[in-house]
Amino acid sequence: MLRGVATRSDRVIARIRAVASNVLVFAHRDILRILIVRWIALPVLEARRLDLATTSVSTLGYDHGLDEPVSACSTTRDMHSVAVQTIR
């Protein structure tokens, strides 16, 4: 099952990289964790090491060029709490 999700994530990443502009992706937390690790070329099992809060925002991009994908930032649980308090 995990291999199938990784394969689908790799296809999504290929489609994203084919677009010449920014892309916004909404998905379940566990799918996004896999997408992040596959984006930065890590084995899918490493997704277990990422802790994404509900409604977190992650930014994926490149460091010096298209051959250096990075996970630029992710909101944390603390940042989420601050955002919820500010919105109310």
Protein backbone atom coordinates (compact mmCIF):
# COMPACT_ATOMS: atom_id res chain seq x y z
CA MET A 1 0.00 0.00 0.00
CA LEU A 2 2.77 2.46 0.93
CA ARG A 3 4.56 1.76 -2.33
CA GLY A 4 1.37 2.55 -4.26
CA VAL A 5 0.96 5.88 -2.46
CA ALA A 6 4.62 6.70 -3.19
CA THR A 7 4.12 5.90 -6.87
CA ARG A 8 1.06 8.14 -7.06
CA SER A 9 2.94 10.90 -5.22
CA ASP A 10 5.78 10.64 -7.72
CA ARG A 11 3.26 11.08 -10.56
CA VAL A 12 1.78 14.15 -8.85
CA ILE A 13 5.28 15.59 -8.42
CA ALA A 14 6.05 15.00 -12.10
CA ARG A 15 2.88 16.87 -13.05
CA ILE A 16 3.71 19.74 -10.68
CA ARG A 17 7.24 20.07 -12.06
CA ALA A 18 5.85 20.21 -15.59
CA VAL A 19 3.89 23.37 -14.74
CA ALA A 20 5.76 26.64 -15.21
CA SER A 21 4.07 28.42 -12.29
CA ASN A 22 3.14 27.95 -8.65
CA VAL A 23 0.86 25.06 -7.71
CA LEU A 24 -1.41 24.68 -4.68
CA VAL A 25 -2.14 21.19 -3.37
CA PHE A 26 -4.76 20.23 -0.78
CA ALA A 27 -4.65 16.74 0.70
CA HIS A 28 -4.82 14.67 3.86
CA ARG A 29 -1.90 15.12 6.26
CA ASP A 30 -0.47 11.65 5.66
CA ILE A 31 -0.54 12.07 1.88
CA LEU A 32 1.20 15.44 2.20
CA ARG A 33 3.93 13.93 4.38
CA ILE A 34 4.65 11.40 1.65
CA LEU A 35 4.55 14.09 -1.02
CA ILE A 36 7.11 16.15 0.92
CA VAL A 37 9.61 13.33 1.37
CA ARG A 38 9.26 12.21 -2.24
CA TRP A 39 9.72 15.86 -3.36
CA ILE A 40 13.11 15.94 -1.62
CA ALA A 41 14.00 12.44 -2.88
CA LEU A 42 13.80 10.62 0.46
CA PRO A 43 12.41 7.10 0.87
CA VAL A 44 8.67 7.07 1.53
CA LEU A 45 9.17 5.54 4.98
CA GLU A 46 10.81 8.80 6.12
CA ALA A 47 7.38 10.48 6.00
CA ARG A 48 6.76 9.08 9.47
CA ARG A 49 9.30 11.61 10.78
CA LEU A 50 7.23 14.63 9.70
CA ASP A 51 4.62 16.02 12.05
CA LEU A 52 2.17 18.19 10.13
CA ALA A 53 -0.56 19.91 12.10
CA THR A 54 -4.12 20.00 10.83
CA THR A 55 -4.47 22.94 8.39
CA SER A 56 -0.71 23.40 8.28
CA VAL A 57 0.88 25.10 5.31
CA SER A 58 4.04 23.70 3.72
CA THR A 59 6.15 25.24 0.99
CA LEU A 60 8.15 23.10 -1.40
CA GLY A 61 10.60 24.60 -3.82
CA TYR A 62 14.19 24.56 -5.04
CA ASP A 63 17.43 25.77 -3.53
CA HIS A 64 19.87 26.72 -6.31
CA GLY A 65 18.09 25.09 -9.22
CA LEU A 66 15.57 22.50 -10.34
CA ASP A 67 17.99 19.73 -9.41
CA GLU A 68 17.92 20.76 -5.71
CA PRO A 69 14.35 20.35 -4.39
CA VAL A 70 13.81 21.49 -0.79
CA SER A 71 11.06 21.68 1.78
CA ALA A 72 11.30 25.41 2.44
CA CYS A 73 8.98 25.67 5.46
CA SER A 74 6.01 24.21 7.29
CA THR A 75 3.80 25.76 9.90
CA THR A 76 4.03 24.11 13.30
CA ARG A 77 1.37 23.26 15.84
CA ASP A 78 2.26 26.43 17.79
CA MET A 79 1.93 28.60 14.69
CA HIS A 80 -1.45 27.00 13.97
CA SER A 81 -2.68 27.90 17.46
CA VAL A 82 -1.57 31.50 17.00
CA ALA A 83 -3.29 31.68 13.61
CA VAL A 84 -6.57 30.33 15.02
CA GLN A 85 -6.50 32.84 17.90
CA THR A 86 -5.79 35.70 15.50
CA ILE A 87 -8.67 34.76 13.18
CA ARG A 88 -11.21 34.60 15.99
